[in-house]
Protein backbone atom coordinates (compact mmCIF):
# COMPACT_ATOMS: atom_id res chain seq x y z
CA MET A 1 117.56 76.57 199.01
CA MET A 2 115.98 76.16 195.59
CA THR A 3 114.80 72.65 194.77
CA THR A 4 115.75 70.98 191.52
CA LEU A 5 112.11 71.18 190.40
CA TRP A 6 112.01 74.99 190.66
CA ARG A 7 115.29 75.63 188.79
CA PRO A 8 113.86 74.97 185.30
CA PHE A 9 110.85 77.19 186.04
CA SER A 10 113.07 80.01 187.30
CA LEU A 11 115.49 79.85 184.38
CA ALA A 12 112.61 79.64 181.91
CA ALA A 13 111.08 82.73 183.53
CA VAL A 14 114.37 84.65 183.18
CA VAL A 15 114.68 83.69 179.52
CA LEU A 16 111.04 84.55 178.86
CA LEU A 17 111.57 87.96 180.42
CA SER A 18 114.52 88.50 178.11
CA LEU A 19 112.46 87.42 175.13
CA SER A 20 109.70 89.77 176.24
CA GLY A 21 111.96 92.81 175.98
CA CYS A 22 113.53 93.08 179.42
CA SER A 23 117.31 92.90 179.69
CA SER A 24 118.55 89.89 181.58
CA LEU A 25 121.81 88.26 182.51
CA LEU A 26 121.81 84.62 181.39
CA GLY A 27 124.98 82.80 182.26
CA ASN A 28 127.85 85.00 181.09
CA LYS A 29 125.88 86.60 178.25
CA ILE A 30 123.71 89.67 178.27
CA VAL A 31 120.53 88.75 176.42
CA ARG A 32 119.41 91.36 173.92
CA GLY A 33 116.69 93.35 175.65
CA SER A 34 115.24 95.51 172.90
CA VAL A 35 113.86 94.10 169.67
CA PRO A 36 111.11 95.63 167.57
CA ASP A 37 107.53 94.41 167.89
CA SER A 38 107.13 94.50 164.13
CA ILE A 39 105.37 91.16 163.56
CA THR A 40 101.56 91.07 163.64
CA VAL A 41 100.13 87.78 164.96
CA THR A 42 96.50 86.74 164.34
CA SER A 43 94.38 83.60 164.38
CA PRO A 44 91.24 82.61 162.48
CA ALA A 45 90.06 80.87 165.68
CA PHE A 46 90.28 83.74 168.20
CA ARG A 47 91.14 87.40 168.51
CA GLU A 48 93.44 89.41 170.77
CA GLY A 49 92.23 89.37 174.39
CA ALA A 50 89.39 86.93 173.70
CA PRO A 51 88.87 83.51 175.26
CA ILE A 52 90.62 80.67 173.46
CA PRO A 53 88.11 78.10 172.13
CA VAL A 54 87.79 74.96 174.26
CA ARG A 55 89.06 72.65 171.48
CA PHE A 56 92.57 74.04 172.05
CA ALA A 57 92.45 73.30 175.80
CA CYS A 58 93.29 70.13 177.72
CA LYS A 59 90.97 67.13 177.93
CA GLN A 60 90.18 67.89 181.59
CA GLU A 61 88.59 71.14 180.37
CA GLY A 62 86.66 69.33 177.62
CA GLY A 63 89.21 70.22 174.95
CA LEU A 64 90.95 68.28 172.21
CA GLY A 65 94.44 69.63 172.90
CA LYS A 66 94.81 70.85 169.31
CA THR A 67 97.33 73.48 168.31
CA PRO A 68 95.59 76.58 166.91
CA ALA A 69 96.06 78.01 163.45
CA LEU A 70 98.13 81.20 163.51
CA HIS A 71 99.02 83.78 160.87
CA TRP A 72 101.72 86.42 161.08
CA SER A 73 103.44 89.06 159.03
CA VAL A 74 106.91 88.02 157.92
CA ALA A 75 109.83 90.20 158.99
CA SER A 76 111.38 91.79 155.91
CA THR A 77 115.12 91.12 155.76
CA GLY A 78 117.85 89.34 157.65
CA VAL A 79 115.66 86.45 158.79
CA GLY A 80 117.07 82.92 158.65
CA ALA A 81 114.34 81.15 160.65
CA GLN A 82 111.39 81.80 162.93
CA ALA A 83 110.18 80.50 166.29
CA LEU A 84 106.92 80.38 168.23
CA VAL A 85 106.69 80.37 172.02
CA VAL A 86 103.36 79.81 173.78
CA ASP A 87 103.45 80.59 177.48
CA ASP A 88 101.19 81.27 180.46
CA PRO A 89 102.54 84.14 182.58
CA ASP A 90 99.86 83.52 185.23
CA ALA A 91 100.94 79.98 186.20
CA PRO A 92 101.34 79.55 189.98
CA SER A 93 105.01 78.55 189.69
CA GLY A 94 106.00 81.32 187.28
CA ALA A 95 105.74 81.42 183.49
CA TYR A 96 104.74 78.01 182.13
CA VAL A 97 105.90 77.35 178.58
CA HIS A 98 103.27 75.32 176.72
CA TRP A 99 104.98 75.06 173.34
CA VAL A 100 108.20 76.05 171.63
CA LEU A 101 108.40 75.57 167.90
CA PHE A 102 111.70 76.61 166.35
CA ASN A 103 113.49 76.60 163.00
CA ILE A 104 110.23 77.42 161.23
CA ASP A 105 111.00 78.33 157.62
CA ALA A 106 112.00 81.99 157.30
CA LYS A 107 109.34 82.67 154.66
CA ALA A 108 106.47 80.91 156.45
CA ASN A 109 103.61 83.08 157.62
CA GLU A 110 101.23 80.56 159.16
CA ILE A 111 100.75 77.40 161.15
CA LEU A 112 97.71 75.30 160.33
CA GLU A 113 95.45 73.99 163.09
CA GLY A 114 96.78 70.74 164.55
CA VAL A 115 99.86 70.71 162.29
CA VAL A 116 103.57 71.21 162.97
CA PRO A 117 105.18 72.89 159.93
CA PRO A 118 107.59 70.77 157.87
CA HIS A 119 111.19 70.83 159.11
CA ALA A 120 110.28 72.77 162.28
CA GLU A 121 111.60 71.47 165.59
CA GLN A 122 109.83 71.30 168.95
CA ALA A 123 111.47 71.82 172.33
CA LEU A 124 110.39 70.16 175.54
CA ASN A 125 107.74 72.20 177.35
CA THR A 126 107.82 73.21 181.02
CA GLY A 127 106.14 69.93 181.95
CA GLY A 128 109.07 68.09 180.37
CA GLY A 129 107.09 66.66 177.48
CA PRO A 130 107.65 67.21 173.78
CA GLY A 131 105.42 69.50 171.78
CA TYR A 132 102.23 71.33 172.71
CA ALA A 133 100.84 71.22 176.26
CA PRO A 134 97.32 72.64 175.91
CA PRO A 135 95.98 75.30 178.30
CA CYS A 136 94.74 73.74 181.54
CA PRO A 137 94.63 76.35 184.32
CA PRO A 138 93.75 75.36 187.90
CA LYS A 139 90.02 75.26 188.63
CA GLY A 140 88.61 78.71 189.27
CA GLU A 141 91.49 80.61 187.64
CA LEU A 142 91.58 82.69 184.47
CA HIS A 143 94.99 82.68 182.75
CA ARG A 144 96.52 84.55 179.82
CA TYR A 145 98.23 82.63 177.01
CA ARG A 146 100.77 84.47 174.88
CA PHE A 147 101.50 83.31 171.32
CA THR A 148 104.77 85.03 170.42
CA VAL A 149 106.43 84.72 167.01
CA TYR A 150 110.15 85.52 166.80
CA ALA A 151 112.13 86.31 163.64
CA LEU A 152 115.65 84.90 164.04
CA HIS A 153 118.74 85.93 162.12
CA GLU A 154 119.72 82.25 161.82
CA LYS A 155 118.48 78.78 162.74
CA VAL A 156 118.77 77.45 166.28
CA PRO A 157 121.53 74.78 166.28
CA LEU A 158 119.60 72.31 168.45
CA PRO A 159 117.67 69.13 167.60
CA ASN A 160 114.00 68.30 167.95
CA GLY A 161 113.22 67.53 171.61
CA ALA A 162 115.97 69.82 172.94
CA LYS A 163 115.74 71.11 176.51
CA LEU A 164 113.48 74.09 176.99
CA ASN A 165 116.01 76.43 178.62
CA GLN A 166 118.62 75.76 175.93
CA VAL A 167 116.18 76.51 173.13
CA LEU A 168 114.81 79.66 174.79
CA SER A 169 118.35 80.94 175.31
CA GLU A 170 119.26 80.29 171.66
CA ILE A 171 116.07 82.03 170.49
CA ALA A 172 116.87 85.05 172.69
CA GLU A 173 120.35 85.33 171.18
CA ARG A 174 119.04 85.24 167.60
CA THR A 175 115.88 87.38 167.81
CA VAL A 176 115.69 90.35 165.43
CA ALA A 177 111.93 91.01 165.60
CA ARG A 178 108.85 89.66 167.32
CA GLY A 179 105.09 89.92 167.61
CA ARG A 180 102.55 88.63 170.11
CA MET A 181 98.91 87.75 170.49
CA THR A 182 97.49 87.22 173.98
CA VAL A 183 94.29 85.28 174.70
CA ARG A 184 92.75 83.89 177.86
CA PHE A 185 91.27 80.67 179.15
CA GLY A 186 89.75 79.47 182.40
CA GLU A 187 87.10 80.58 184.86
CA GLN A 188 86.72 84.15 186.07
């Protein structure tokens, strides 16, 4: 029997798989499984596959818990909003969602370090808190962190602080394009 604690992790993992390009059944809806990877995501602070600088990690790791600056190419047409999902696919309990930022302006192409864009909303993270939960892998583990930008055909009709699974499901239903940058943090 699945405990109440594991249900949010399991549902978040299913939604993340659907957002990653795998088809998935979520409730009574088939989540779109194939969207183009046409958005290029970069950061002035780190590069694809590289370690994330400590300042973006948790305090236990000597970090400041800051959100990193990101840049991305803007999808061309049919975009009403954008979203960002930061997750750790290597977490012991399944994918851990560190940050979901949604209803980012459709024409935006960056997030500044330590700043939430104007009018953007933040969902609760896997830990149940609002906003960014910085990388903090268990001692002795090296984890990957995926920064995925989604172009949405319309805004997500949920408020700031909405439940993680609801927001991920709404993002999955509205995604028309995406792009990802993966970095790592922790001990090898």
